[in-house]
Amino acid sequence: MGVSGCGKSKIGQAFAKEAGAEFFDGDDLHPAENIAKMSRGEPLNDADRAPWLDKVGGQLAQAQEPMVIACSALKRIYRERIRTSAGKPVTFLYLEGTREVLSERMKHRDGHFMPVALLDSQLATLEPPDADELTVKASIDQSPDAVVAELLLKLQREAK
């Protein structure tokens, strides 16, 4: 989880591979209207996100094996909605980065619908997970391999 440009898809795929889990990109669950809206530079509102969050949770509910889904999950109420839709415990891997790092990454990626112009709205919407939420955090100010290694190590410590 995290704002656009934090590496949810890239880190999520690598993490899933290392953890022996299935990977799914939550962007693929957005309705066409949401994609069009974001492509125009318009931020989504809670009503836009609600059916999408239910689909993310539903995807987790249907999983027969461990699954990693790349999903922004910017607000606590969004994470709670995903957990409710999933009907089982969900651990969020929070990819945290500065605006500068995020902006630079977004400028250099090709073919993504989310423009850099929406980064500030995502940062304004972001509610970092609280201590009482099932979350593991890693800074993206390191290589993707290092982020994956940090997340795996922290999850192993949590499991003990």
Protein backbone atom coordinates (compact mmCIF):
# COMPACT_ATOMS: atom_id res chain seq x y z
CA MET A 1 0.00 0.00 0.00
CA GLY A 2 1.01 3.59 -0.51
CA VAL A 3 0.65 6.53 -2.83
CA SER A 4 1.26 6.42 -6.54
CA GLY A 5 4.92 6.03 -7.44
CA CYS A 6 5.95 4.17 -4.29
CA GLY A 7 6.50 0.92 -6.18
CA LYS A 8 3.43 -1.08 -5.20
CA SER A 9 3.44 -3.14 -8.39
CA LYS A 10 7.19 -3.67 -8.72
CA ILE A 11 7.79 -4.34 -5.02
CA GLY A 12 4.57 -6.35 -4.76
CA GLN A 13 5.58 -8.68 -7.60
CA ALA A 14 9.06 -9.20 -6.19
CA PHE A 15 7.72 -9.69 -2.66
CA ALA A 16 5.10 -12.19 -3.82
CA LYS A 17 7.75 -14.19 -5.69
CA GLU A 18 10.03 -14.32 -2.63
CA ALA A 19 7.14 -15.16 -0.29
CA GLY A 20 5.67 -17.84 -2.57
CA ALA A 21 2.44 -15.89 -2.99
CA GLU A 22 0.25 -14.98 -5.95
CA PHE A 23 0.45 -11.36 -7.13
CA PHE A 24 -2.45 -9.26 -8.40
CA ASP A 25 -2.39 -5.59 -9.36
CA GLY A 26 -5.32 -3.76 -7.79
CA ASP A 27 -5.27 -1.21 -10.62
CA ASP A 28 -6.74 -3.96 -12.82
CA LEU A 29 -9.87 -3.90 -10.65
CA HIS A 30 -10.62 -0.21 -11.20
CA PRO A 31 -13.73 0.45 -13.29
CA ALA A 32 -13.13 2.24 -16.59
CA GLU A 33 -14.71 5.40 -15.14
CA ASN A 34 -12.06 5.59 -12.40
CA ILE A 35 -9.21 5.10 -14.90
CA ALA A 36 -10.67 7.80 -17.16
CA LYS A 37 -11.08 10.20 -14.24
CA MET A 38 -7.50 9.73 -13.03
CA SER A 39 -6.17 9.94 -16.59
CA ARG A 40 -7.80 13.38 -16.84
CA GLY A 41 -5.94 14.42 -13.69
CA GLU A 42 -9.02 14.27 -11.45
CA PRO A 43 -8.57 12.63 -8.05
CA LEU A 44 -10.96 9.89 -7.01
CA ASN A 45 -13.32 10.51 -4.13
CA ASP A 46 -14.55 8.03 -1.53
CA ALA A 47 -17.63 7.14 -3.61
CA ASP A 48 -15.40 6.37 -6.61
CA ARG A 49 -13.15 4.16 -4.51
CA ALA A 50 -15.80 2.19 -2.60
CA PRO A 51 -16.69 -0.43 -5.26
CA TRP A 52 -13.02 -0.80 -6.15
CA LEU A 53 -12.05 -1.43 -2.52
CA ASP A 54 -14.79 -4.07 -2.29
CA LYS A 55 -13.31 -5.77 -5.37
CA VAL A 56 -9.84 -5.75 -3.81
CA GLY A 57 -11.22 -7.35 -0.65
CA GLY A 58 -13.25 -9.80 -2.73
CA GLN A 59 -10.12 -10.85 -4.61
CA LEU A 60 -8.44 -11.59 -1.28
CA ALA A 61 -11.53 -13.48 -0.07
CA GLN A 62 -11.39 -15.76 -3.11
CA ALA A 63 -7.66 -16.49 -2.78
CA GLN A 64 -6.87 -20.14 -2.20
CA GLU A 65 -3.20 -19.41 -1.47
CA PRO A 66 -1.34 -16.42 -0.03
CA MET A 67 -1.94 -13.35 -2.19
CA VAL A 68 -0.30 -9.95 -2.55
CA ILE A 69 -2.42 -7.19 -4.07
CA ALA A 70 -0.95 -3.83 -5.03
CA CYS A 71 -3.46 -1.27 -3.77
CA SER A 72 -3.11 2.30 -2.53
CA ALA A 73 -5.35 1.82 0.57
CA LEU A 74 -4.64 5.44 1.49
CA LYS A 75 -7.11 5.88 4.37
CA ARG A 76 -7.82 3.77 7.42
CA ILE A 77 -11.47 3.43 6.36
CA TYR A 78 -10.27 2.03 3.00
CA ARG A 79 -8.09 -0.55 4.74
CA GLU A 80 -10.98 -1.49 7.04
CA ARG A 81 -13.29 -1.85 4.03
CA ILE A 82 -10.78 -4.18 2.33
CA ARG A 83 -10.44 -6.25 5.51
CA THR A 84 -14.22 -6.48 5.87
CA SER A 85 -14.67 -7.51 2.22
CA ALA A 86 -11.84 -10.05 2.54
CA GLY A 87 -13.46 -11.60 5.61
CA LYS A 88 -10.07 -12.56 7.02
CA PRO A 89 -6.94 -10.90 8.41
CA VAL A 90 -5.08 -8.72 5.92
CA THR A 91 -1.56 -7.43 6.50
CA PHE A 92 -0.71 -4.20 4.70
CA LEU A 93 2.85 -3.62 3.50
CA TYR A 94 3.24 0.16 3.64
CA LEU A 95 5.75 1.61 1.16
CA GLU A 96 6.71 5.01 2.51
CA GLY A 97 8.62 7.72 0.64
CA THR A 98 9.17 11.45 0.41
CA ARG A 99 7.34 13.59 -2.12
CA GLU A 100 10.63 14.20 -3.95
CA VAL A 101 11.41 10.50 -4.39
CA LEU A 102 7.82 9.70 -5.37
CA SER A 103 7.63 12.54 -7.89
CA GLU A 104 10.92 11.57 -9.51
CA ARG A 105 9.79 7.96 -9.87
CA MET A 106 6.46 8.98 -11.39
CA LYS A 107 8.16 11.21 -13.95
CA HIS A 108 10.21 8.26 -15.25
CA ARG A 109 7.56 5.59 -15.67
CA ASP A 110 5.90 4.95 -19.00
CA GLY A 111 2.36 3.91 -19.80
CA HIS A 112 0.75 4.52 -16.41
CA PHE A 113 -2.57 6.36 -16.23
CA MET A 114 -1.77 8.25 -13.02
CA PRO A 115 -0.22 11.65 -13.76
CA VAL A 116 2.34 13.29 -11.44
CA ALA A 117 -0.21 16.09 -10.97
CA LEU A 118 -2.27 13.77 -8.71
CA LEU A 119 0.59 12.99 -6.31
CA ASP A 120 -0.23 15.91 -4.02
CA SER A 121 -3.87 14.86 -3.75
CA GLN A 122 -2.76 11.33 -2.85
CA LEU A 123 -0.34 12.63 -0.21
CA ALA A 124 -3.12 14.83 1.21
CA THR A 125 -5.46 11.82 1.37
CA LEU A 126 -2.88 9.45 2.88
CA GLU A 127 -3.47 8.40 6.47
CA PRO A 128 -0.39 6.39 7.42
CA PRO A 129 -1.33 3.21 9.28
CA ASP A 130 -1.66 3.45 13.04
CA ALA A 131 0.13 1.14 15.47
CA ASP A 132 -3.08 -0.86 16.03
CA GLU A 133 -3.35 -1.80 12.33
CA LEU A 134 -1.76 -4.99 11.01
CA THR A 135 0.94 -3.27 8.94
CA VAL A 136 4.61 -3.64 8.05
CA LYS A 137 6.41 -0.50 6.86
CA ALA A 138 9.47 -0.01 4.66
CA SER A 139 11.14 3.07 3.21
CA ILE A 140 11.36 3.18 -0.59
CA ASP A 141 14.56 5.22 -0.38
CA GLN A 142 16.55 2.06 -1.15
CA SER A 143 16.72 -0.53 -3.91
CA PRO A 144 13.65 -2.65 -4.63
CA ASP A 145 15.56 -5.76 -3.52
CA ALA A 146 16.40 -4.07 -0.22
CA VAL A 147 12.75 -3.06 0.29
CA VAL A 148 11.61 -6.65 -0.31
CA ALA A 149 14.28 -8.01 2.05
CA GLU A 150 13.28 -5.51 4.74
CA LEU A 151 9.59 -6.41 4.43
CA LEU A 152 10.31 -10.15 4.58
CA LEU A 153 12.54 -9.72 7.65
CA LYS A 154 9.96 -7.58 9.46
CA LEU A 155 7.18 -10.07 8.67
CA GLN A 156 9.29 -12.93 10.01
CA ARG A 157 9.88 -10.98 13.23
CA GLU A 158 6.14 -10.27 13.52
CA ALA A 159 5.34 -13.97 13.15
CA LYS A 160 7.49 -14.91 16.16
